[in-house]
Protein backbone atom coordinates (compact mmCIF):
# COMPACT_ATOMS: atom_id res chain seq x y z
CA MET A 1 39.51 -65.96 -39.41
CA THR A 2 38.06 -64.08 -36.45
CA THR A 3 38.31 -60.39 -35.62
CA ASP A 4 37.85 -58.44 -32.38
CA GLU A 5 36.86 -55.23 -34.15
CA PHE A 6 33.85 -53.49 -32.64
CA SER A 7 30.80 -53.20 -34.90
CA ILE A 8 28.09 -50.75 -33.89
CA TYR A 9 25.61 -52.48 -36.22
CA GLU A 10 26.17 -55.92 -34.72
CA HIS A 11 26.18 -54.51 -31.19
CA ALA A 12 22.83 -52.72 -31.78
CA ASN A 13 21.27 -55.88 -33.24
CA ARG A 14 22.35 -57.95 -30.26
CA SER A 15 21.09 -55.30 -27.81
CA LEU A 16 17.70 -55.31 -29.51
CA GLY A 17 17.43 -58.95 -28.61
CA LEU A 18 17.41 -57.89 -24.95
CA TRP A 19 14.98 -54.98 -25.41
CA TRP A 20 12.82 -56.39 -22.63
CA LEU A 21 15.71 -55.95 -20.16
CA ILE A 22 16.17 -52.30 -21.13
CA ALA A 23 12.41 -51.66 -20.97
CA LEU A 24 12.14 -53.37 -17.58
CA ALA A 25 15.02 -51.30 -16.19
CA ALA A 26 13.47 -48.09 -17.53
CA ILE A 27 10.11 -48.91 -15.94
CA ALA A 28 11.79 -49.79 -12.65
CA GLY A 29 13.67 -46.46 -12.77
CA GLY A 30 10.42 -44.58 -13.33
CA VAL A 31 8.78 -46.36 -10.40
CA LEU A 32 11.73 -45.54 -8.14
CA GLY A 33 11.53 -41.91 -9.29
CA PHE A 34 7.84 -41.80 -8.35
CA VAL A 35 8.63 -43.30 -4.94
CA LEU A 36 11.30 -40.63 -4.44
CA TYR A 37 8.74 -37.96 -5.34
CA GLN A 38 6.33 -39.36 -2.72
CA LEU A 39 9.07 -39.28 -0.08
CA HIS A 40 10.13 -35.74 -0.98
CA PRO A 41 7.15 -33.46 -1.75
CA PRO A 42 7.94 -30.64 -4.21
CA LEU A 43 9.22 -27.29 -2.96
CA TYR A 44 7.81 -24.01 -4.24
CA GLU A 45 9.77 -20.76 -4.17
CA ALA A 46 8.26 -17.26 -3.97
CA THR A 47 10.34 -14.13 -4.57
CA ALA A 48 9.88 -10.56 -3.36
CA THR A 49 12.22 -7.85 -4.66
CA TYR A 50 13.65 -4.55 -3.40
CA LEU A 51 15.24 -1.69 -5.28
CA VAL A 52 17.98 -0.20 -3.09
CA ILE A 53 20.08 2.69 -4.42
CA ILE A 54 22.55 5.32 -3.21
CA ASP A 55 21.59 9.00 -3.13
CA LEU A 56 24.78 10.33 -4.72
CA GLU A 57 23.96 13.94 -3.82
CA HIS A 58 24.17 13.06 -0.13
CA PHE A 59 26.88 10.44 -0.33
CA PRO A 60 29.64 11.67 2.04
CA LEU A 61 32.71 10.20 0.36
CA GLN A 62 33.11 12.54 -2.61
CA GLY A 63 36.61 12.84 -4.09
CA MET A 64 37.81 9.49 -2.74
CA ASP A 65 39.52 6.75 -4.70
CA GLU A 66 36.98 5.01 -6.96
CA ASP A 67 37.60 1.55 -5.49
CA LEU A 68 37.13 2.87 -1.96
CA VAL A 69 33.92 4.65 -2.94
CA GLN A 70 32.59 1.41 -4.45
CA TYR A 71 33.54 -0.48 -1.30
CA ASN A 72 31.69 1.96 0.94
CA GLU A 73 28.67 1.97 -1.37
CA ASP A 74 28.50 -1.82 -1.21
CA LEU A 75 28.93 -1.74 2.55
CA ALA A 76 26.06 0.73 2.90
CA VAL A 77 23.72 -1.10 0.52
CA ASN A 78 24.43 -4.42 2.21
CA THR A 79 22.52 -3.05 5.18
CA THR A 80 19.52 -4.52 3.35
CA GLN A 81 20.60 -8.07 4.15
CA SER A 82 21.54 -7.18 7.72
CA VAL A 83 18.07 -5.81 8.35
CA LEU A 84 16.26 -8.78 6.79
CA LEU A 85 18.22 -11.26 8.92
CA SER A 86 18.07 -9.28 12.14
CA THR A 87 16.42 -10.84 15.20
CA GLN A 88 14.00 -7.92 15.26
CA VAL A 89 12.68 -8.71 11.78
CA LEU A 90 12.66 -12.51 12.16
CA ASP A 91 10.68 -12.29 15.40
CA ARG A 92 8.08 -10.01 13.78
CA VAL A 93 7.73 -12.32 10.77
CA ILE A 94 7.18 -15.34 13.02
CA SER A 95 4.66 -13.42 15.13
CA GLN A 96 2.63 -12.37 12.10
CA ALA A 97 2.87 -15.84 10.58
CA ASP A 98 1.61 -17.42 13.81
CA ALA A 99 -1.29 -14.96 13.84
CA SER A 100 -2.34 -16.28 10.42
CA SER A 101 -1.87 -19.93 11.52
CA ARG A 102 1.25 -20.47 9.37
CA MET A 103 3.29 -21.97 12.25
CA ILE A 104 6.69 -20.78 11.01
CA THR A 105 9.84 -21.01 13.17
CA VAL A 106 13.21 -19.29 12.97
CA ASP A 107 14.73 -22.54 11.68
CA ASP A 108 12.10 -22.66 8.93
CA LEU A 109 13.05 -19.16 7.81
CA LEU A 110 16.80 -19.64 7.97
CA HIS A 111 16.81 -23.04 6.25
CA ASN A 112 14.52 -22.06 3.37
CA TYR A 113 15.47 -18.51 2.43
CA THR A 114 17.81 -16.99 -0.14
CA ILE A 115 18.88 -13.35 -0.41
CA GLU A 116 20.61 -12.34 -3.63
CA ARG A 117 21.80 -8.95 -4.81
CA LYS A 118 21.70 -8.12 -8.52
CA HIS A 119 23.14 -4.62 -8.77
CA GLU A 120 20.47 -2.34 -7.23
CA THR A 121 17.90 -5.12 -7.00
CA TRP A 122 17.67 -7.45 -4.02
CA GLU A 123 15.71 -10.69 -4.21
CA LEU A 124 14.28 -12.28 -1.07
CA ARG A 125 13.18 -15.87 -1.72
CA TYR A 126 11.43 -18.36 0.51
CA ARG A 127 10.65 -22.03 -0.14
CA ASN A 128 7.82 -24.17 1.17
CA HIS A 129 5.93 -27.30 0.17
CA ASP A 130 2.78 -25.16 -0.04
CA PRO A 131 2.99 -22.42 -2.72
CA GLN A 132 0.49 -20.24 -0.84
CA VAL A 133 2.59 -20.41 2.34
CA ALA A 134 5.74 -19.55 0.39
CA GLN A 135 4.04 -16.48 -1.07
CA SER A 136 2.49 -15.35 2.22
CA VAL A 137 5.66 -15.72 4.28
CA VAL A 138 7.99 -13.99 1.82
CA ASN A 139 5.57 -11.07 1.40
CA THR A 140 5.25 -10.72 5.17
CA TRP A 141 9.03 -10.87 5.50
CA ALA A 142 9.50 -8.27 2.77
CA GLU A 143 7.01 -5.81 4.30
CA VAL A 144 8.33 -6.25 7.84
CA GLY A 145 11.89 -5.88 6.55
CA TYR A 146 11.05 -2.68 4.68
CA GLN A 147 9.55 -1.08 7.79
CA ALA A 148 12.64 -2.11 9.75
CA MET A 149 14.91 -0.53 7.12
CA LEU A 150 13.14 2.80 7.59
CA GLU A 151 13.36 2.41 11.38
CA TRP A 152 17.10 1.73 11.15
CA GLN A 153 17.56 4.88 9.14
CA THR A 154 15.57 6.95 11.62
CA SER A 155 17.66 5.62 14.50
CA GLY A 156 20.94 6.09 12.63
CA LYS A 157 21.73 2.36 12.32
CA ALA A 158 21.46 2.59 8.52
CA PRO A 159 22.97 5.39 6.38
CA ASP A 160 20.49 8.11 5.45
CA TYR A 161 21.88 8.29 1.90
CA VAL A 162 20.65 4.77 1.10
CA ILE A 163 17.24 4.84 -0.58
CA PHE A 164 15.13 1.81 0.31
CA ASN A 165 12.16 1.41 -2.03
CA SER A 166 9.08 -0.51 -0.96
CA PRO A 167 9.22 -4.18 -2.00
CA THR A 168 7.55 -5.70 -5.01
CA ARG A 169 5.34 -8.43 -3.64
CA ALA A 170 5.80 -12.04 -4.69
CA LEU A 171 3.32 -13.88 -6.88
CA ALA A 172 2.15 -17.37 -6.03
CA PRO A 173 4.59 -19.87 -7.62
CA HIS A 174 3.03 -22.40 -9.99
CA GLU A 175 6.01 -24.64 -10.75
CA PRO A 176 8.12 -26.33 -8.05
CA VAL A 177 11.83 -25.61 -7.97
CA THR A 178 12.76 -29.08 -6.70
CA TYR A 179 11.21 -32.55 -6.78
CA ASP A 180 8.87 -31.83 -9.65
CA ARG A 181 6.98 -35.09 -10.21
CA ASN A 182 7.38 -35.26 -13.99
CA LYS A 183 11.07 -34.37 -13.88
CA VAL A 184 11.85 -36.85 -11.10
CA VAL A 185 10.01 -39.69 -12.85
CA LEU A 186 11.63 -38.85 -16.21
CA ALA A 187 15.05 -38.81 -14.58
CA GLY A 188 14.33 -42.25 -13.10
CA VAL A 189 13.29 -43.59 -16.50
CA LEU A 190 16.46 -42.26 -18.16
CA ILE A 191 18.69 -43.68 -15.43
CA GLY A 192 16.91 -47.01 -15.70
CA PHE A 193 17.26 -46.99 -19.50
CA ILE A 194 21.00 -46.36 -19.28
CA THR A 195 21.36 -49.04 -16.60
CA GLY A 196 19.41 -51.50 -18.76
CA ALA A 197 21.62 -50.73 -21.76
CA ILE A 198 24.73 -51.38 -19.67
CA LEU A 199 23.31 -54.64 -18.33
CA SER A 200 22.35 -55.81 -21.81
CA ASN A 201 25.84 -55.04 -23.04
CA THR A 202 27.30 -57.05 -20.14
CA ALA A 203 25.01 -59.97 -20.97
CA ILE A 204 26.12 -59.91 -24.61
CA HIS A 205 29.79 -59.47 -23.83
CA PRO A 206 30.48 -61.03 -20.43
CA PRO A 207 33.82 -60.09 -18.89
CA LYS A 208 36.63 -62.41 -19.87
CA VAL A 209 38.15 -64.59 -17.19
CA ASN A 210 41.77 -65.49 -17.62
CA LYS A 211 42.24 -69.22 -17.05
CA PRO A 212 45.28 -70.21 -15.04
CA LYS A 213 48.01 -71.83 -17.08
CA GLN A 214 48.47 -75.54 -16.59
């Protein structure tokens, strides 16, 4: 009498007979992961931070609805991002980068930056394949941006009740944020291992083909 019940024990024993297939697939996956790493060098990200707050004693919207006050506070504080992405600031950053032989373009800045607000703290991030370049560019950008924030306030383009604090300079990043060699190779090995396990299972249990009735 035969049975079609699945047995994990029997399945594992049969798969062990094709261990070489699983190992070969895992090795091939690791090699492909290393090739991918060579084609895509790792990216390093440096982060400079600002503390931007509202001077409540000089805030002009006293006595307003709380939601409206919050809206206007956010609108005022968001000047930080407007300044950092202004043509004035980007041109100065590129000029200073060129002076130090960094060869940065506007496209480089706009395709590799991130600006994120976390309550009163703003984070300016920049990515580059060279960790030293990432650190240098983001610190230049942060300093140039800070000077522009003060200039905007002096000229009336930014509210005078927003307090822009000088930026905290970025440290040199040590670990890449993408395409880390070990992680990419390990991912390739795992994908290869899973693929090998699937192939070994297919070899043990080939798909059934229904024969046409005579």
